[in-house]
Amino acid sequence: MRILAKYKNGNYTVTLYDDGTKVKRTEDDFFVADFPDSIDIKITDYCENGCPMCHENSSIKGAHGDLRHPIIDTFPAGMEAAIGGGNPLAHPDLLPFLERLKERGIIANLTVNVIDLKKKRDLLERLVNDRLIYGLGVSCMAYDEYAVDYALSHPNVVLHLINGIFPPNDYKRMYGKPLKILLLGYKLFGKGKAYDSPALRENMRATEMQLGEMLDKFRVISFDNLALKQLNVKETIGEKLYDSIYMGEDGDASMYVDLVKKEYSLSSSSEERYMIAGSLRECFHELRKKKE
């Protein structure tokens, strides 16, 4: 594995490898970050896909974010930026924005819908080949052979699967394939509130029940914090293993930045949001104070 970044953050060091592995080390019994190791950053609310559960309420009327905002110049080198929308590929300033992040030493990752992967495959491969992005997340609502084949031939691709939306039996169709998958918690936010249903909740329960058998069926299986809670992952893998790989709560070493509304928060589903003022580090410290 090649090291993409290595830096000190607060009382620990971070080493980030080109396969997506992140290692944190400290001599203390706890981790205290001085700035976020990673941020989710929304660059647009524009999207043509009309996903019925979209927690961002993105649409064809959605506005683009300001990719020249001064906070970008305060991003610390080595930090990961997970870029999304809306459809980030629709933003007219995406390329110069990614070039700016690369110049600053930011490790950029991009999340797109499988619909947009099929439309813009050549562009996405260019972004990877030019090292403007390192990780590519592909969101799928159900099993998609095109997305699976693409992920199998591109080691930097992670399939993003929403708990409750992705059918439990469709996980089984991917068993034994060397795939990287990320399970995302279902967000009762934006359109997600209205789309919630008994059938969706039953899918969540079924996924939780089969989680134990899923764990060794993929090359990598990971979870966001919401999915960890919804699927009771700690109970499945055991407290010792869970504690050794858990990266912390939202806001411990991560945050959300919305360049459309010029706001920041603990996560993309946080009700409490604040107007961006000052550097990323200053915004992060404000979040930490509010958490306390």
Protein backbone atom coordinates (compact mmCIF):
# COMPACT_ATOMS: atom_id res chain seq x y z
CA MET A 1 0.00 0.00 0.00
CA ARG A 2 1.18 3.49 -0.82
CA ILE A 3 0.90 6.24 1.80
CA LEU A 4 -1.22 9.15 0.58
CA ALA A 5 -0.86 11.30 3.67
CA LYS A 6 0.68 11.25 7.13
CA TYR A 7 0.19 14.03 9.64
CA LYS A 8 -0.31 14.92 13.30
CA ASN A 9 -3.76 15.96 14.50
CA GLY A 10 -4.11 16.91 18.14
CA ASN A 11 -2.70 14.11 20.27
CA TYR A 12 -2.49 11.47 17.54
CA THR A 13 -0.99 10.75 14.13
CA VAL A 14 -2.95 9.77 11.03
CA THR A 15 -1.65 7.60 8.20
CA LEU A 16 -3.84 7.30 5.12
CA TYR A 17 -3.14 4.65 2.49
CA ASP A 18 -4.15 4.53 -1.15
CA ASP A 19 -6.55 1.61 -0.61
CA GLY A 20 -8.61 3.78 1.76
CA THR A 21 -7.19 2.38 5.00
CA LYS A 22 -6.82 4.98 7.74
CA VAL A 23 -4.69 4.29 10.82
CA LYS A 24 -4.73 6.51 13.92
CA ARG A 25 -2.14 6.14 16.67
CA THR A 26 -1.76 7.85 20.02
CA GLU A 27 0.21 7.27 23.22
CA ASP A 28 -2.85 8.29 25.24
CA ASP A 29 -6.01 6.31 25.97
CA PHE A 30 -8.10 8.71 23.93
CA PHE A 31 -8.04 10.74 20.72
CA VAL A 32 -8.49 14.51 20.68
CA ALA A 33 -8.53 16.12 17.23
CA ASP A 34 -7.45 19.70 16.55
CA PHE A 35 -9.19 19.68 13.15
CA PRO A 36 -11.37 17.18 11.29
CA ASP A 37 -9.66 14.18 9.71
CA SER A 38 -12.50 14.11 7.21
CA ILE A 39 -15.44 16.21 6.12
CA ASP A 40 -18.57 15.59 4.10
CA ILE A 41 -18.94 18.53 1.77
CA LYS A 42 -22.01 19.31 -0.33
CA ILE A 43 -21.23 21.32 -3.44
CA THR A 44 -24.67 21.41 -5.11
CA ASP A 45 -28.37 20.85 -4.56
CA TYR A 46 -28.94 20.25 -8.27
CA CYS A 47 -29.90 16.71 -9.30
CA GLU A 48 -32.06 15.18 -12.04
CA ASN A 49 -32.45 11.73 -10.49
CA GLY A 50 -35.38 12.43 -8.17
CA CYS A 51 -34.57 9.81 -5.53
CA PRO A 52 -37.68 9.69 -3.31
CA MET A 53 -35.72 9.44 -0.04
CA CYS A 54 -33.20 12.22 -0.73
CA HIS A 55 -32.37 13.76 2.64
CA GLU A 56 -30.85 16.78 0.88
CA ASN A 57 -34.11 17.58 -1.01
CA SER A 58 -32.05 17.93 -4.20
CA SER A 59 -33.86 18.63 -7.46
CA ILE A 60 -33.53 20.22 -10.91
CA LYS A 61 -34.24 23.54 -9.19
CA GLY A 62 -31.35 23.10 -6.77
CA ALA A 63 -28.61 25.73 -6.58
CA HIS A 64 -24.87 25.17 -6.95
CA GLY A 65 -22.49 25.92 -4.09
CA ASP A 66 -19.71 28.50 -4.02
CA LEU A 67 -16.55 26.52 -4.79
CA ARG A 68 -14.41 29.63 -4.32
CA HIS A 69 -15.49 30.09 -0.70
CA PRO A 70 -12.52 31.23 1.47
CA ILE A 71 -12.97 28.36 3.95
CA ILE A 72 -11.53 26.04 1.30
CA ASP A 73 -8.15 27.74 1.66
CA THR A 74 -8.12 26.72 5.33
CA PHE A 75 -8.49 22.97 4.71
CA PRO A 76 -5.50 21.19 6.30
CA ALA A 77 -3.27 19.06 4.07
CA GLY A 78 -3.93 15.32 4.33
CA MET A 79 -7.59 15.70 5.32
CA GLU A 80 -10.17 13.67 3.40
CA ALA A 81 -13.05 15.47 1.71
CA ALA A 82 -16.06 13.36 0.72
CA ILE A 83 -17.71 15.44 -2.01
CA GLY A 84 -21.37 15.03 -2.83
CA GLY A 85 -24.62 16.76 -3.67
CA GLY A 86 -27.08 16.67 -5.33
CA ASN A 87 -25.17 15.49 -8.32
CA PRO A 88 -21.61 16.85 -7.93
CA LEU A 89 -20.85 16.08 -11.59
CA ALA A 90 -23.39 18.75 -12.56
CA HIS A 91 -21.44 21.57 -10.92
CA PRO A 92 -19.76 23.71 -13.61
CA ASP A 93 -16.74 24.44 -11.37
CA LEU A 94 -16.08 20.86 -10.28
CA LEU A 95 -12.78 20.42 -12.14
CA PRO A 96 -11.07 23.62 -10.94
CA PHE A 97 -12.35 22.85 -7.43
CA LEU A 98 -10.76 19.38 -7.47
CA GLU A 99 -7.55 20.83 -8.87
CA ARG A 100 -7.51 23.36 -6.03
CA LEU A 101 -7.94 20.60 -3.44
CA LYS A 102 -5.16 18.56 -5.03
CA GLU A 103 -2.80 21.55 -4.88
CA ARG A 104 -3.56 21.89 -1.17
CA GLY A 105 -2.87 18.20 -0.50
CA ILE A 106 -6.50 17.35 0.26
CA ILE A 107 -7.53 13.74 -0.37
CA ALA A 108 -10.73 14.13 -2.38
CA ASN A 109 -13.37 11.41 -2.70
CA LEU A 110 -16.53 11.71 -4.78
CA THR A 111 -19.98 10.14 -4.40
CA VAL A 112 -22.29 9.74 -7.39
CA ASN A 113 -25.48 7.88 -8.20
CA VAL A 114 -25.12 4.79 -10.38
CA ILE A 115 -27.29 6.62 -12.94
CA ASP A 116 -24.60 9.29 -13.27
CA LEU A 117 -21.82 6.69 -13.34
CA LYS A 118 -23.41 5.25 -16.47
CA LYS A 119 -23.70 8.71 -18.05
CA LYS A 120 -20.30 10.08 -17.05
CA ARG A 121 -18.01 7.06 -16.80
CA ASP A 122 -15.30 8.60 -19.00
CA LEU A 123 -15.19 11.76 -16.88
CA LEU A 124 -14.99 9.80 -13.65
CA GLU A 125 -12.14 7.66 -14.95
CA ARG A 126 -10.31 10.82 -15.97
CA LEU A 127 -10.70 12.22 -12.44
CA VAL A 128 -9.25 9.02 -10.97
CA ASN A 129 -6.40 8.77 -13.48
CA ASP A 130 -5.45 12.43 -12.88
CA ARG A 131 -5.58 11.79 -9.12
CA LEU A 132 -8.14 14.52 -8.66
CA ILE A 133 -10.15 11.96 -6.70
CA TYR A 134 -8.96 8.83 -4.89
CA GLY A 135 -12.17 7.16 -3.80
CA LEU A 136 -15.37 6.90 -5.82
CA GLY A 137 -18.61 6.09 -4.02
CA VAL A 138 -21.43 4.74 -6.19
CA SER A 139 -24.93 4.90 -4.67
CA CYS A 140 -27.26 2.03 -5.59
CA MET A 141 -30.89 1.60 -4.51
CA ALA A 142 -30.83 -2.09 -5.50
CA TYR A 143 -28.51 -4.66 -7.05
CA ASP A 144 -27.08 -3.21 -10.25
CA GLU A 145 -24.93 -5.44 -12.43
CA TYR A 146 -23.26 -2.47 -14.15
CA ALA A 147 -22.20 -0.97 -10.79
CA VAL A 148 -20.97 -4.34 -9.49
CA ASP A 149 -18.91 -5.03 -12.61
CA TYR A 150 -17.47 -1.51 -12.50
CA ALA A 151 -16.54 -1.86 -8.83
CA LEU A 152 -14.88 -5.23 -9.47
CA SER A 153 -12.65 -3.69 -12.14
CA HIS A 154 -11.87 -0.49 -10.21
CA PRO A 155 -10.37 -1.06 -6.73
CA ASN A 156 -10.99 2.55 -5.67
CA VAL A 157 -14.80 2.14 -5.97
CA VAL A 158 -17.06 1.65 -2.94
CA LEU A 159 -20.73 0.77 -3.36
CA HIS A 160 -22.89 2.98 -1.11
CA LEU A 161 -25.99 1.11 0.07
CA ILE A 162 -28.68 2.71 2.23
CA ASN A 163 -30.01 0.63 5.11
CA GLY A 164 -33.67 -0.15 4.52
CA ILE A 165 -33.57 0.96 0.89
CA PHE A 166 -31.17 -1.67 -0.44
CA PRO A 167 -33.08 -5.01 -0.45
CA PRO A 168 -31.63 -7.55 2.01
CA ASN A 169 -31.66 -10.35 -0.56
CA ASP A 170 -29.64 -8.20 -2.98
CA TYR A 171 -26.68 -8.32 -0.59
CA LYS A 172 -26.68 -12.09 -1.10
CA ARG A 173 -26.35 -11.62 -4.87
CA MET A 174 -22.97 -10.00 -4.18
CA TYR A 175 -21.66 -12.57 -1.66
CA GLY A 176 -18.20 -13.86 -2.43
CA LYS A 177 -17.27 -11.00 -4.74
CA PRO A 178 -14.22 -8.89 -3.75
CA LEU A 179 -16.27 -5.72 -3.37
CA LYS A 180 -15.99 -2.75 -1.04
CA ILE A 181 -19.37 -1.73 0.35
CA LEU A 182 -20.42 1.06 2.69
CA LEU A 183 -23.72 0.74 4.54
CA LEU A 184 -25.32 4.10 5.20
CA GLY A 185 -27.96 4.68 7.84
CA TYR A 186 -31.42 5.71 6.68
CA LYS A 187 -31.82 9.42 7.39
CA LEU A 188 -35.17 10.70 8.66
CA PHE A 189 -34.32 14.08 7.18
CA GLY A 190 -35.54 15.95 4.10
CA LYS A 191 -37.58 13.63 1.87
CA GLY A 192 -36.50 10.75 4.08
CA LYS A 193 -39.20 11.59 6.62
CA ALA A 194 -42.06 11.16 4.19
CA TYR A 195 -40.56 8.08 2.51
CA ASP A 196 -40.26 6.11 5.75
CA SER A 197 -42.58 3.08 5.82
CA PRO A 198 -43.23 -0.28 7.56
CA ALA A 199 -41.70 -2.06 4.53
CA LEU A 200 -38.52 -0.01 4.87
CA ARG A 201 -38.32 -0.79 8.59
CA GLU A 202 -38.76 -4.48 7.84
CA ASN A 203 -35.83 -4.29 5.42
CA MET A 204 -33.76 -2.75 8.21
CA ARG A 205 -34.66 -5.61 10.57
CA ALA A 206 -33.89 -8.22 7.92
CA THR A 207 -30.51 -6.62 7.17
CA GLU A 208 -29.65 -6.58 10.87
CA MET A 209 -30.57 -10.26 11.18
CA GLN A 210 -28.27 -11.29 8.30
CA LEU A 211 -25.42 -8.94 9.20
CA GLY A 212 -23.40 -11.67 10.89
CA GLU A 213 -23.25 -13.76 7.74
CA MET A 214 -22.45 -10.70 5.61
CA LEU A 215 -19.26 -9.72 7.39
CA ASP A 216 -16.91 -12.14 5.61
CA LYS A 217 -18.62 -12.06 2.22
CA PHE A 218 -16.99 -8.86 0.91
CA ARG A 219 -13.50 -7.49 0.48
CA VAL A 220 -14.41 -4.57 2.77
CA ILE A 221 -17.63 -3.79 4.62
CA SER A 222 -17.93 -0.48 6.46
CA PHE A 223 -20.62 1.64 8.07
CA ASP A 224 -21.38 5.27 8.75
CA ASN A 225 -22.24 6.15 12.35
CA LEU A 226 -25.99 6.06 11.74
CA ALA A 227 -25.82 2.57 10.23
CA LEU A 228 -23.70 1.38 13.18
CA LYS A 229 -26.59 2.31 15.47
CA GLN A 230 -29.45 1.16 13.26
CA LEU A 231 -27.85 -2.25 12.65
CA ASN A 232 -26.50 -2.73 16.20
CA VAL A 233 -23.09 -3.58 14.77
CA LYS A 234 -21.38 -3.68 18.17
CA GLU A 235 -23.61 -6.56 19.28
CA THR A 236 -22.77 -8.52 16.13
CA ILE A 237 -18.98 -8.13 16.11
CA GLY A 238 -18.36 -7.82 19.84
CA GLU A 239 -17.28 -4.87 21.96
CA LYS A 240 -13.52 -5.54 21.79
CA LEU A 241 -13.32 -5.56 17.99
CA TYR A 242 -15.79 -2.70 17.72
CA ASP A 243 -13.75 -0.47 20.02
CA SER A 244 -10.53 -1.22 18.12
CA ILE A 245 -11.90 -0.05 14.75
CA TYR A 246 -14.50 2.59 15.72
CA MET A 247 -13.48 6.03 14.40
CA GLY A 248 -15.56 8.09 16.82
CA GLU A 249 -18.84 9.97 16.90
CA ASP A 250 -19.84 12.66 14.44
CA GLY A 251 -17.91 15.76 15.42
CA ASP A 252 -15.07 13.92 17.16
CA ALA A 253 -12.87 14.13 14.07
CA SER A 254 -15.38 14.83 11.32
CA MET A 255 -17.97 17.41 10.27
CA TYR A 256 -20.31 18.46 7.47
CA VAL A 257 -19.92 21.54 5.27
CA ASP A 258 -22.68 22.82 2.98
CA LEU A 259 -21.25 25.18 0.37
CA VAL A 260 -24.72 25.82 -1.07
CA LYS A 261 -26.18 27.33 2.10
CA LYS A 262 -22.74 28.23 3.52
CA GLU A 263 -23.44 26.27 6.68
CA TYR A 264 -21.69 23.63 8.76
CA SER A 265 -22.87 21.01 11.24
CA LEU A 266 -21.97 17.71 12.89
CA SER A 267 -23.41 15.70 9.98
CA SER A 268 -25.64 16.03 6.93
CA SER A 269 -28.69 15.01 8.98
CA SER A 270 -28.08 17.41 11.88
CA GLU A 271 -30.97 19.77 12.58
CA GLU A 272 -28.65 22.33 14.21
CA ARG A 273 -26.61 24.19 11.58
CA TYR A 274 -24.39 27.24 11.76
CA MET A 275 -23.25 29.84 9.26
CA ILE A 276 -19.63 29.43 8.17
CA ALA A 277 -17.42 32.04 9.82
CA GLY A 278 -13.65 31.82 9.97
CA SER A 279 -11.45 28.82 9.17
CA LEU A 280 -12.40 25.15 9.08
CA ARG A 281 -10.47 24.62 12.30
CA GLU A 282 -12.44 27.43 13.99
CA CYS A 283 -15.75 25.99 12.82
CA PHE A 284 -14.69 22.56 14.07
CA HIS A 285 -13.79 23.91 17.50
CA GLU A 286 -17.17 25.67 17.70
CA LEU A 287 -18.87 22.36 17.03
CA ARG A 288 -16.83 20.69 19.75
CA LYS A 289 -17.87 23.39 22.23
CA LYS A 290 -21.53 22.97 21.32
CA LYS A 291 -21.26 19.20 21.76
CA GLU A 292 -19.96 19.70 25.28
